[in-house]
């Protein structure tokens, strides 16, 4: 395939040895695919040289290339590093590398976006009807936007349910204390 695992005199190919080492440790198939892909890119980046010939400086060069020229995220860079470290430690059994010199990429600190009370009031003032009700419920419950579509569809499903006694369709409105949230539309009718 790409390169002999333990030098040109070896019959075993590096991808096969890598896959065997991953499978023995019961890693997931997705991890196997990712690690094999990163090792392949690492070797191709170094013009198909055997990883034993590359060394720590080659690892640092590859990771720098990923960050600076390929613009990968910190988590992607760390995944590549984990694959390379797995190759050296667990497949090639290289002990003379100073792995502590390899620096993990730091993820940028993300600050949560928080609206002021005035911004919330203005936002709700621009909304009306069911979207306003759903947004107010999500906001009041502390849910985030990714959960909004699931919650909205669940809310619509719950709104139209069969009455098990009469078999007729009914529409549920908000509770009495939440009716001020909803602009337009009447309160619940049974």
N, C-alpha and C. Protein backbone atom coordinates (compact mmCIF):
# COMPACT_ATOMS: atom_id res chain seq x y z
N UNK A 1 0.83 -1.19 0.00
CA UNK A 1 0.00 0.00 0.00
C UNK A 1 0.87 1.24 0.00
N UNK A 2 1.05 1.89 1.19
CA UNK A 2 1.88 3.08 1.10
C UNK A 2 3.33 2.80 1.42
N UNK A 3 3.57 2.00 2.47
CA UNK A 3 4.93 1.87 2.94
C UNK A 3 5.03 0.64 3.83
N UNK A 4 6.18 -0.01 3.81
CA UNK A 4 6.37 -1.17 4.68
C UNK A 4 6.40 -0.71 6.13
N UNK A 5 5.81 -1.50 7.01
CA UNK A 5 5.65 -1.09 8.40
C UNK A 5 6.97 -1.00 9.15
N UNK A 6 7.84 -1.95 8.93
CA UNK A 6 9.05 -2.00 9.73
C UNK A 6 10.30 -1.99 8.84
N UNK A 7 10.26 -1.18 7.80
CA UNK A 7 11.39 -1.05 6.90
C UNK A 7 11.15 -1.82 5.61
N UNK A 8 11.99 -1.59 4.60
CA UNK A 8 11.79 -2.20 3.29
C UNK A 8 11.86 -3.73 3.30
N UNK A 9 12.54 -4.30 4.27
CA UNK A 9 12.68 -5.76 4.31
C UNK A 9 11.45 -6.44 4.90
N UNK A 10 10.54 -5.69 5.46
CA UNK A 10 9.35 -6.25 6.09
C UNK A 10 8.26 -6.53 5.06
N UNK A 11 7.53 -7.63 5.26
CA UNK A 11 6.39 -7.95 4.40
C UNK A 11 5.13 -7.23 4.84
N UNK A 12 5.09 -6.79 6.10
CA UNK A 12 3.89 -6.16 6.64
C UNK A 12 3.83 -4.69 6.23
N UNK A 13 2.66 -4.28 5.78
CA UNK A 13 2.47 -2.90 5.35
C UNK A 13 1.95 -2.07 6.51
N UNK A 14 2.35 -0.82 6.57
CA UNK A 14 2.00 0.06 7.66
C UNK A 14 0.49 0.22 7.86
N UNK A 15 -0.31 0.43 6.81
CA UNK A 15 -1.75 0.56 7.05
C UNK A 15 -2.36 -0.67 7.70
N UNK A 16 -1.87 -1.85 7.31
CA UNK A 16 -2.39 -3.09 7.91
C UNK A 16 -2.02 -3.18 9.38
N UNK A 17 -0.79 -2.83 9.71
CA UNK A 17 -0.34 -2.86 11.10
C UNK A 17 -1.10 -1.82 11.93
N UNK A 18 -1.34 -0.65 11.34
CA UNK A 18 -2.10 0.39 12.03
C UNK A 18 -3.52 -0.07 12.32
N UNK A 19 -4.17 -0.64 11.30
CA UNK A 19 -5.55 -1.14 11.48
C UNK A 19 -5.60 -2.25 12.53
N UNK A 20 -4.63 -3.15 12.50
CA UNK A 20 -4.60 -4.23 13.49
C UNK A 20 -4.46 -3.68 14.91
N UNK A 21 -3.58 -2.71 15.09
CA UNK A 21 -3.37 -2.12 16.42
C UNK A 21 -4.63 -1.42 16.90
N UNK A 22 -5.35 -0.77 16.01
CA UNK A 22 -6.59 -0.08 16.38
C UNK A 22 -7.67 -1.09 16.74
N UNK A 23 -7.78 -2.14 15.95
CA UNK A 23 -8.83 -3.15 16.18
C UNK A 23 -8.59 -3.95 17.45
N UNK A 24 -7.34 -4.24 17.76
CA UNK A 24 -7.01 -4.96 19.00
C UNK A 24 -7.47 -4.15 20.21
N UNK A 25 -7.41 -2.83 20.11
CA UNK A 25 -7.82 -1.95 21.21
C UNK A 25 -9.31 -1.61 21.16
N UNK A 26 -10.03 -2.19 20.20
CA UNK A 26 -11.48 -2.01 20.07
C UNK A 26 -11.89 -0.57 19.87
N UNK A 27 -11.09 0.18 19.11
CA UNK A 27 -11.48 1.54 18.76
C UNK A 27 -12.61 1.46 17.74
N UNK A 28 -13.37 2.52 17.61
CA UNK A 28 -14.49 2.52 16.66
C UNK A 28 -13.97 2.55 15.22
N UNK A 29 -14.83 2.15 14.29
CA UNK A 29 -14.47 2.18 12.86
C UNK A 29 -14.18 3.61 12.41
N UNK A 30 -14.93 4.57 12.95
CA UNK A 30 -14.71 5.96 12.57
C UNK A 30 -13.33 6.44 13.02
N UNK A 31 -12.92 6.01 14.21
CA UNK A 31 -11.57 6.37 14.68
C UNK A 31 -10.54 5.72 13.79
N UNK A 32 -10.77 4.48 13.42
CA UNK A 32 -9.85 3.78 12.52
C UNK A 32 -9.71 4.53 11.20
N UNK A 33 -10.83 4.91 10.61
CA UNK A 33 -10.80 5.63 9.34
C UNK A 33 -10.05 6.96 9.47
N UNK A 34 -10.34 7.67 10.56
CA UNK A 34 -9.69 8.96 10.78
C UNK A 34 -8.18 8.80 10.97
N UNK A 35 -7.77 7.86 11.81
CA UNK A 35 -6.35 7.66 12.08
C UNK A 35 -5.61 7.22 10.82
N UNK A 36 -6.18 6.28 10.07
CA UNK A 36 -5.52 5.82 8.84
C UNK A 36 -5.39 7.00 7.86
N UNK A 37 -6.44 7.81 7.77
CA UNK A 37 -6.38 8.97 6.88
C UNK A 37 -5.31 9.97 7.29
N UNK A 38 -5.20 10.26 8.59
CA UNK A 38 -4.19 11.20 9.05
C UNK A 38 -2.77 10.66 8.85
N UNK A 39 -2.58 9.38 9.09
CA UNK A 39 -1.24 8.80 8.91
C UNK A 39 -0.86 8.83 7.43
N UNK A 40 -1.83 8.55 6.57
CA UNK A 40 -1.56 8.60 5.14
C UNK A 40 -1.16 10.02 4.72
N UNK A 41 -1.90 11.03 5.20
CA UNK A 41 -1.56 12.42 4.87
C UNK A 41 -0.19 12.80 5.42
N UNK A 42 0.11 12.32 6.63
CA UNK A 42 1.39 12.61 7.27
C UNK A 42 2.54 12.05 6.44
N UNK A 43 2.40 10.81 5.99
CA UNK A 43 3.45 10.18 5.19
C UNK A 43 3.57 10.85 3.82
N UNK A 44 2.45 11.14 3.20
CA UNK A 44 2.50 11.81 1.89
C UNK A 44 3.07 13.21 2.00
N UNK A 45 2.79 13.92 3.09
CA UNK A 45 3.35 15.25 3.32
C UNK A 45 4.87 15.19 3.34
N UNK A 46 5.40 14.10 3.90
CA UNK A 46 6.86 13.94 3.99
C UNK A 46 7.40 13.10 2.83
N UNK A 47 6.71 13.15 1.69
CA UNK A 47 7.15 12.53 0.44
C UNK A 47 7.42 11.03 0.58
N UNK A 48 6.51 10.35 1.26
CA UNK A 48 6.51 8.90 1.44
C UNK A 48 7.72 8.37 2.19
N UNK A 49 8.32 9.20 3.02
CA UNK A 49 9.39 8.71 3.88
C UNK A 49 8.78 7.88 5.00
N UNK A 50 9.51 6.91 5.50
CA UNK A 50 9.02 6.08 6.59
C UNK A 50 8.95 6.94 7.86
N UNK A 51 7.90 6.79 8.67
CA UNK A 51 7.77 7.59 9.88
C UNK A 51 8.97 7.49 10.83
N UNK A 52 9.67 6.37 10.82
CA UNK A 52 10.86 6.25 11.68
C UNK A 52 11.94 7.25 11.27
N UNK A 53 11.93 7.66 10.01
CA UNK A 53 12.94 8.60 9.51
C UNK A 53 12.53 10.05 9.74
N UNK A 54 11.29 10.28 10.08
CA UNK A 54 10.77 11.65 10.11
C UNK A 54 11.14 12.37 11.40
N UNK A 55 10.82 11.83 12.54
CA UNK A 55 11.20 12.44 13.80
C UNK A 55 10.22 13.51 14.29
N UNK A 56 10.52 14.02 15.49
CA UNK A 56 9.65 14.99 16.15
C UNK A 56 9.54 16.29 15.35
N UNK A 57 10.62 16.74 14.78
CA UNK A 57 10.56 18.00 14.01
C UNK A 57 9.63 17.85 12.81
N UNK A 58 9.59 16.66 12.22
CA UNK A 58 8.67 16.41 11.11
C UNK A 58 7.22 16.42 11.55
N UNK A 59 6.98 15.92 12.77
CA UNK A 59 5.63 15.96 13.32
C UNK A 59 5.21 17.41 13.52
N UNK A 60 6.10 18.21 14.12
CA UNK A 60 5.80 19.63 14.35
C UNK A 60 5.58 20.36 13.03
N UNK A 61 6.37 20.04 12.01
CA UNK A 61 6.23 20.68 10.71
C UNK A 61 4.87 20.35 10.10
N UNK A 62 4.45 19.10 10.20
CA UNK A 62 3.16 18.69 9.65
C UNK A 62 2.02 19.40 10.36
N UNK A 63 2.08 19.44 11.69
CA UNK A 63 1.02 20.10 12.46
C UNK A 63 0.97 21.60 12.17
N UNK A 64 2.12 22.21 12.00
CA UNK A 64 2.17 23.63 11.64
C UNK A 64 1.57 23.85 10.27
N UNK A 65 1.88 22.95 9.34
CA UNK A 65 1.30 23.03 7.99
C UNK A 65 -0.22 22.96 8.06
N UNK A 66 -0.75 22.06 8.88
CA UNK A 66 -2.20 21.94 9.01
C UNK A 66 -2.82 23.24 9.52
N UNK A 67 -2.19 23.82 10.53
CA UNK A 67 -2.76 25.02 11.16
C UNK A 67 -2.60 26.25 10.28
N UNK A 68 -1.42 26.45 9.71
CA UNK A 68 -1.12 27.69 9.01
C UNK A 68 -1.60 27.67 7.56
N UNK A 69 -1.31 26.59 6.85
CA UNK A 69 -1.64 26.56 5.42
C UNK A 69 -2.99 25.93 5.12
N UNK A 70 -3.39 24.93 5.90
CA UNK A 70 -4.67 24.27 5.65
C UNK A 70 -5.80 24.87 6.47
N UNK A 71 -5.46 25.70 7.47
CA UNK A 71 -6.44 26.40 8.31
C UNK A 71 -7.42 25.44 9.00
N UNK A 72 -6.90 24.34 9.54
CA UNK A 72 -7.78 23.40 10.24
C UNK A 72 -8.04 23.91 11.66
N UNK A 73 -9.11 23.45 12.26
CA UNK A 73 -9.45 23.86 13.62
C UNK A 73 -8.50 23.17 14.60
N UNK A 74 -8.52 23.66 15.83
CA UNK A 74 -7.67 23.09 16.87
C UNK A 74 -8.03 21.63 17.13
N UNK A 75 -9.32 21.30 17.12
CA UNK A 75 -9.72 19.91 17.38
C UNK A 75 -9.26 18.99 16.25
N UNK A 76 -9.28 19.48 15.01
CA UNK A 76 -8.81 18.68 13.88
C UNK A 76 -7.30 18.47 13.99
N UNK A 77 -6.59 19.52 14.35
CA UNK A 77 -5.15 19.40 14.52
C UNK A 77 -4.81 18.43 15.64
N UNK A 78 -5.57 18.46 16.72
CA UNK A 78 -5.33 17.53 17.83
C UNK A 78 -5.67 16.09 17.45
N UNK A 79 -6.67 15.91 16.58
CA UNK A 79 -6.99 14.56 16.11
C UNK A 79 -5.83 14.01 15.28
N UNK A 80 -5.26 14.85 14.42
CA UNK A 80 -4.10 14.43 13.62
C UNK A 80 -2.93 14.07 14.54
N UNK A 81 -2.71 14.89 15.55
CA UNK A 81 -1.63 14.61 16.50
C UNK A 81 -1.87 13.29 17.23
N UNK A 82 -3.11 13.04 17.64
CA UNK A 82 -3.41 11.77 18.33
C UNK A 82 -3.13 10.58 17.44
N UNK A 83 -3.48 10.69 16.16
CA UNK A 83 -3.22 9.60 15.22
C UNK A 83 -1.72 9.36 15.07
N UNK A 84 -0.96 10.44 14.96
CA UNK A 84 0.50 10.32 14.79
C UNK A 84 1.14 9.73 16.05
N UNK A 85 0.70 10.22 17.21
CA UNK A 85 1.24 9.67 18.46
C UNK A 85 0.89 8.19 18.60
N UNK A 86 -0.32 7.81 18.20
CA UNK A 86 -0.72 6.40 18.24
C UNK A 86 0.21 5.59 17.34
N UNK A 87 0.50 6.10 16.16
CA UNK A 87 1.40 5.41 15.23
C UNK A 87 2.76 5.16 15.87
N UNK A 88 3.35 6.22 16.44
CA UNK A 88 4.69 6.08 16.99
C UNK A 88 4.71 5.22 18.26
N UNK A 89 3.77 5.43 19.16
CA UNK A 89 3.78 4.72 20.43
C UNK A 89 3.31 3.27 20.32
N UNK A 90 2.18 3.06 19.62
CA UNK A 90 1.52 1.77 19.68
C UNK A 90 1.77 0.87 18.47
N UNK A 91 2.12 1.45 17.33
CA UNK A 91 2.36 0.62 16.15
C UNK A 91 3.86 0.42 15.94
N UNK A 92 4.60 1.52 15.89
CA UNK A 92 6.04 1.41 15.64
C UNK A 92 6.84 1.17 16.92
N UNK A 93 6.20 1.33 18.07
CA UNK A 93 6.84 1.11 19.38
C UNK A 93 8.12 1.94 19.53
N UNK A 94 8.05 3.20 19.13
CA UNK A 94 9.19 4.11 19.25
C UNK A 94 9.18 4.71 20.64
N UNK A 95 10.26 4.48 21.38
CA UNK A 95 10.33 4.97 22.76
C UNK A 95 11.26 6.17 22.91
N UNK A 96 12.12 6.40 21.92
CA UNK A 96 13.13 7.44 22.08
C UNK A 96 12.65 8.83 21.67
N UNK A 97 11.37 8.98 21.34
CA UNK A 97 10.82 10.29 21.01
C UNK A 97 10.43 11.00 22.30
N UNK A 98 10.67 12.29 22.33
CA UNK A 98 10.24 13.10 23.46
C UNK A 98 8.86 13.67 23.11
N UNK A 99 7.81 12.88 23.36
CA UNK A 99 6.46 13.26 22.96
C UNK A 99 5.95 14.50 23.69
N UNK A 100 6.55 14.82 24.83
CA UNK A 100 6.11 16.00 25.58
C UNK A 100 6.44 17.29 24.82
N UNK A 101 7.38 17.21 23.88
CA UNK A 101 7.74 18.40 23.11
C UNK A 101 6.67 18.76 22.07
N UNK A 102 5.82 17.81 21.74
CA UNK A 102 4.76 18.05 20.77
C UNK A 102 3.63 18.79 21.47
N UNK A 103 3.28 19.94 20.94
CA UNK A 103 2.31 20.81 21.59
C UNK A 103 0.91 20.55 21.03
N UNK A 104 -0.04 20.36 21.93
CA UNK A 104 -1.44 20.25 21.52
C UNK A 104 -1.97 21.64 21.19
N UNK A 105 -2.79 21.72 20.16
CA UNK A 105 -3.41 22.99 19.80
C UNK A 105 -4.45 23.35 20.86
N UNK A 106 -4.50 24.63 21.18
CA UNK A 106 -5.49 25.08 22.17
C UNK A 106 -6.71 25.62 21.46
N UNK A 107 -7.86 25.18 21.93
CA UNK A 107 -9.11 25.64 21.35
C UNK A 107 -9.37 27.07 21.80
N UNK A 108 -9.91 27.88 20.91
CA UNK A 108 -10.21 29.26 21.32
C UNK A 108 -11.33 29.26 22.36
N UNK A 109 -11.20 30.15 23.31
CA UNK A 109 -12.23 30.24 24.34
C UNK A 109 -13.46 30.92 23.74
N UNK A 110 -14.58 30.28 23.87
CA UNK A 110 -15.81 30.83 23.32
C UNK A 110 -16.66 31.37 24.46
N UNK A 111 -16.99 32.63 24.33
CA UNK A 111 -17.85 33.25 25.33
C UNK A 111 -19.29 33.12 24.88
N UNK A 112 -20.18 32.81 25.79
CA UNK A 112 -21.58 32.70 25.39
C UNK A 112 -22.15 34.06 25.02
N UNK A 113 -23.04 34.06 24.06
CA UNK A 113 -23.69 35.30 23.65
C UNK A 113 -24.90 35.48 24.57
N UNK A 114 -24.90 36.57 25.29
CA UNK A 114 -25.98 36.84 26.22
C UNK A 114 -26.62 38.17 25.83
N UNK A 115 -27.93 38.16 25.70
CA UNK A 115 -28.65 39.38 25.37
C UNK A 115 -29.02 40.12 26.65
N UNK A 116 -29.03 41.44 26.57
CA UNK A 116 -29.51 42.22 27.71
C UNK A 116 -31.03 42.09 27.77
N UNK A 117 -31.60 42.48 28.89
CA UNK A 117 -33.06 42.42 29.02
C UNK A 117 -33.73 43.29 27.97
N UNK A 118 -33.14 44.42 27.68
CA UNK A 118 -33.72 45.33 26.67
C UNK A 118 -33.68 44.67 25.28
N UNK A 119 -32.57 44.00 24.95
CA UNK A 119 -32.47 43.32 23.65
C UNK A 119 -33.50 42.19 23.55
N UNK A 120 -33.72 41.47 24.65
CA UNK A 120 -34.73 40.41 24.66
C UNK A 120 -36.11 41.01 24.45
N UNK A 121 -36.40 42.11 25.15
CA UNK A 121 -37.70 42.77 25.02
C UNK A 121 -37.94 43.24 23.59
N UNK A 122 -36.92 43.84 22.97
CA UNK A 122 -37.06 44.32 21.59
C UNK A 122 -37.26 43.15 20.63
N UNK A 123 -36.50 42.05 20.85
CA UNK A 123 -36.63 40.88 19.99
C UNK A 123 -38.02 40.29 20.07
N UNK A 124 -38.53 40.12 21.29
CA UNK A 124 -39.89 39.60 21.44
C UNK A 124 -40.93 40.57 20.90
N UNK A 125 -40.64 41.87 20.96
CA UNK A 125 -41.56 42.86 20.42
C UNK A 125 -41.71 42.77 18.91
N UNK A 126 -40.69 42.25 18.24
CA UNK A 126 -40.73 42.09 16.78
C UNK A 126 -41.43 40.81 16.35
N UNK A 127 -41.70 39.93 17.30
CA UNK A 127 -42.31 38.64 16.97
C UNK A 127 -43.78 38.65 17.37
N UNK A 128 -44.55 37.76 16.75
CA UNK A 128 -45.95 37.64 17.15
C UNK A 128 -46.43 36.21 16.91
N UNK A 129 -47.55 35.88 17.52
CA UNK A 129 -48.17 34.59 17.30
C UNK A 129 -47.37 33.43 17.85
N UNK A 130 -47.50 32.32 17.16
CA UNK A 130 -46.86 31.07 17.59
C UNK A 130 -45.33 31.18 17.67
N UNK A 131 -44.66 31.81 16.68
CA UNK A 131 -43.20 31.93 16.82
C UNK A 131 -42.78 32.65 18.10
N UNK A 132 -43.54 33.68 18.48
CA UNK A 132 -43.22 34.41 19.70
C UNK A 132 -43.42 33.51 20.92
N UNK A 133 -44.50 32.77 20.91
CA UNK A 133 -44.78 31.86 22.02
C UNK A 133 -43.67 30.82 22.17
N UNK A 134 -43.29 30.21 21.05
CA UNK A 134 -42.23 29.19 21.08
C UNK A 134 -40.92 29.81 21.55
N UNK A 135 -40.57 30.99 21.02
CA UNK A 135 -39.33 31.65 21.42
C UNK A 135 -39.35 32.00 22.90
N UNK A 136 -40.49 32.49 23.39
CA UNK A 136 -40.60 32.85 24.81
C UNK A 136 -40.47 31.63 25.71
N UNK A 137 -41.07 30.53 25.29
CA UNK A 137 -40.96 29.30 26.08
C UNK A 137 -39.53 28.77 26.09
N UNK A 138 -38.89 28.81 24.93
CA UNK A 138 -37.50 28.36 24.86
C UNK A 138 -36.59 29.25 25.69
N UNK A 139 -36.81 30.55 25.59
CA UNK A 139 -35.99 31.50 26.34
C UNK A 139 -36.22 31.31 27.84
N UNK A 140 -37.47 31.19 28.23
CA UNK A 140 -37.80 31.03 29.64
C UNK A 140 -37.29 29.73 30.22
N UNK A 141 -37.21 28.70 29.38
CA UNK A 141 -36.71 27.40 29.85
C UNK A 141 -35.20 27.30 29.78
N UNK A 142 -34.55 28.32 29.21
CA UNK A 142 -33.09 28.31 29.11
C UNK A 142 -32.56 27.43 28.00
N UNK A 143 -33.39 27.08 27.03
CA UNK A 143 -32.94 26.24 25.92
C UNK A 143 -32.18 27.06 24.90
N UNK A 144 -31.37 26.40 24.12
CA UNK A 144 -30.58 27.09 23.10
C UNK A 144 -31.20 26.91 21.74
N UNK A 145 -30.72 27.69 20.80
CA UNK A 145 -31.29 27.70 19.46
C UNK A 145 -31.26 26.34 18.77
N UNK A 146 -30.19 25.51 18.87
CA UNK A 146 -30.23 24.21 18.18
C UNK A 146 -31.41 23.35 18.61
N UNK A 147 -31.88 23.50 19.83
CA UNK A 147 -33.02 22.73 20.29
C UNK A 147 -34.34 23.32 19.84
N UNK A 148 -34.28 24.48 19.22
CA UNK A 148 -35.51 25.18 18.88
C UNK A 148 -36.36 24.42 17.87
N UNK A 149 -35.75 23.89 16.82
CA UNK A 149 -36.55 23.22 15.79
C UNK A 149 -37.20 21.96 16.34
N UNK A 150 -36.49 21.22 17.17
CA UNK A 150 -37.09 20.03 17.77
C UNK A 150 -38.22 20.40 18.71
N UNK A 151 -37.97 21.43 19.52
CA UNK A 151 -39.00 21.85 20.47
C UNK A 151 -40.21 22.42 19.73
N UNK A 152 -39.97 23.17 18.65
CA UNK A 152 -41.07 23.76 17.91
C UNK A 152 -41.93 22.67 17.26
N UNK A 153 -41.30 21.67 16.67
CA UNK A 153 -42.08 20.62 16.03
C UNK A 153 -42.81 19.79 17.07
N UNK A 154 -42.18 19.57 18.24
CA UNK A 154 -42.84 18.86 19.32
C UNK A 154 -44.03 19.65 19.83
N UNK A 155 -43.86 20.99 19.93
CA UNK A 155 -44.95 21.84 20.37
C UNK A 155 -46.12 21.80 19.41
N UNK A 156 -45.83 21.77 18.12
CA UNK A 156 -46.90 21.69 17.12
C UNK A 156 -47.61 20.34 17.20
N UNK A 157 -46.85 19.29 17.44
CA UNK A 157 -47.44 17.96 17.55
C UNK A 157 -48.35 17.89 18.76
N UNK A 158 -47.90 18.46 19.87
CA UNK A 158 -48.70 18.41 21.09
C UNK A 158 -49.94 19.29 20.99
N UNK A 159 -49.84 20.33 20.17
CA UNK A 159 -50.94 21.26 20.06
C UNK A 159 -52.17 20.61 19.45
N UNK A 160 -51.96 19.71 18.53
CA UNK A 160 -53.09 19.05 17.88
C UNK A 160 -53.05 17.57 18.25
N UNK A 161 -53.76 17.25 19.25
CA UNK A 161 -53.81 15.86 19.66
C UNK A 161 -55.25 15.40 19.72
N UNK A 162 -55.42 14.12 19.62
CA UNK A 162 -56.77 13.55 19.66
C UNK A 162 -57.24 13.45 21.10
N UNK A 163 -58.47 13.84 21.31
CA UNK A 163 -59.10 13.66 22.61
C UNK A 163 -59.56 12.20 22.65
N UNK A 164 -59.01 11.44 23.57
CA UNK A 164 -59.28 10.00 23.59
C UNK A 164 -60.74 9.68 23.91
N UNK A 165 -61.43 10.58 24.60
CA UNK A 165 -62.83 10.29 24.95
C UNK A 165 -63.77 10.56 23.78
N UNK A 166 -63.63 11.73 23.16
CA UNK A 166 -64.60 12.10 22.13
C UNK A 166 -64.12 11.78 20.72
N UNK A 167 -62.81 11.58 20.53
CA UNK A 167 -62.28 11.30 19.21
C UNK A 167 -62.24 12.52 18.31
N UNK A 168 -62.53 13.71 18.86
CA UNK A 168 -62.50 14.91 18.02
C UNK A 168 -61.17 15.64 18.19
N UNK A 169 -60.82 16.45 17.20
CA UNK A 169 -59.58 17.22 17.21
C UNK A 169 -59.75 18.39 18.19
N UNK A 170 -58.73 18.69 18.94
CA UNK A 170 -58.78 19.87 19.80
C UNK A 170 -57.45 20.60 19.73
N UNK A 171 -57.50 21.89 19.99
CA UNK A 171 -56.31 22.73 19.97
C UNK A 171 -56.07 23.27 21.36
N UNK A 172 -54.87 23.06 21.87
CA UNK A 172 -54.53 23.54 23.20
C UNK A 172 -53.88 24.90 23.08
N UNK A 173 -54.27 25.82 23.91
CA UNK A 173 -53.65 27.14 23.97
C UNK A 173 -52.71 27.20 25.15
N UNK A 174 -52.09 28.34 25.37
CA UNK A 174 -51.18 28.48 26.50
C UNK A 174 -51.97 28.53 27.80
N UNK A 175 -51.33 28.24 28.93
CA UNK A 175 -52.01 28.39 30.20
C UNK A 175 -52.41 29.85 30.40
N UNK A 176 -53.37 30.10 31.30
CA UNK A 176 -53.88 31.45 31.52
C UNK A 176 -52.80 32.45 31.84
N UNK A 177 -51.82 32.07 32.67
CA UNK A 177 -50.78 33.02 33.06
C UNK A 177 -49.80 33.31 31.93
N UNK A 178 -49.79 32.53 30.85
CA UNK A 178 -48.89 32.76 29.73
C UNK A 178 -49.60 33.42 28.56
N UNK A 179 -50.90 33.71 28.71
CA UNK A 179 -51.64 34.25 27.57
C UNK A 179 -51.17 35.64 27.17
N UNK A 180 -50.52 36.37 28.07
CA UNK A 180 -50.00 37.69 27.73
C UNK A 180 -48.84 37.61 26.76
N UNK A 181 -48.19 36.45 26.67
CA UNK A 181 -47.07 36.27 25.76
C UNK A 181 -47.55 36.22 24.34
N UNK A 182 -48.69 35.62 24.16
CA UNK A 182 -49.18 35.38 22.81
C UNK A 182 -49.98 36.58 22.32
N UNK A 183 -49.53 37.18 21.24
CA UNK A 183 -50.26 38.30 20.65
C UNK A 183 -51.07 37.77 19.50
N UNK A 184 -52.34 38.12 19.46
CA UNK A 184 -53.17 37.60 18.39
C UNK A 184 -53.56 36.18 18.72
N UNK A 185 -54.69 35.75 18.29
CA UNK A 185 -55.13 34.39 18.56
C UNK A 185 -55.85 34.33 19.89
N UNK A 186 -56.83 33.52 19.96
CA UNK A 186 -57.64 33.40 21.16
C UNK A 186 -57.07 32.37 22.10
N UNK A 187 -57.58 32.39 23.31
CA UNK A 187 -57.16 31.39 24.30
C UNK A 187 -57.76 30.05 23.89
N UNK A 188 -57.41 29.03 24.62
CA UNK A 188 -57.80 27.66 24.25
C UNK A 188 -59.30 27.48 24.27
N UNK A 189 -59.76 26.73 23.30
CA UNK A 189 -61.16 26.33 23.28
C UNK A 189 -61.20 24.82 23.19
N UNK A 190 -62.05 24.24 23.96
CA UNK A 190 -62.12 22.77 23.95
C UNK A 190 -63.16 22.27 23.02
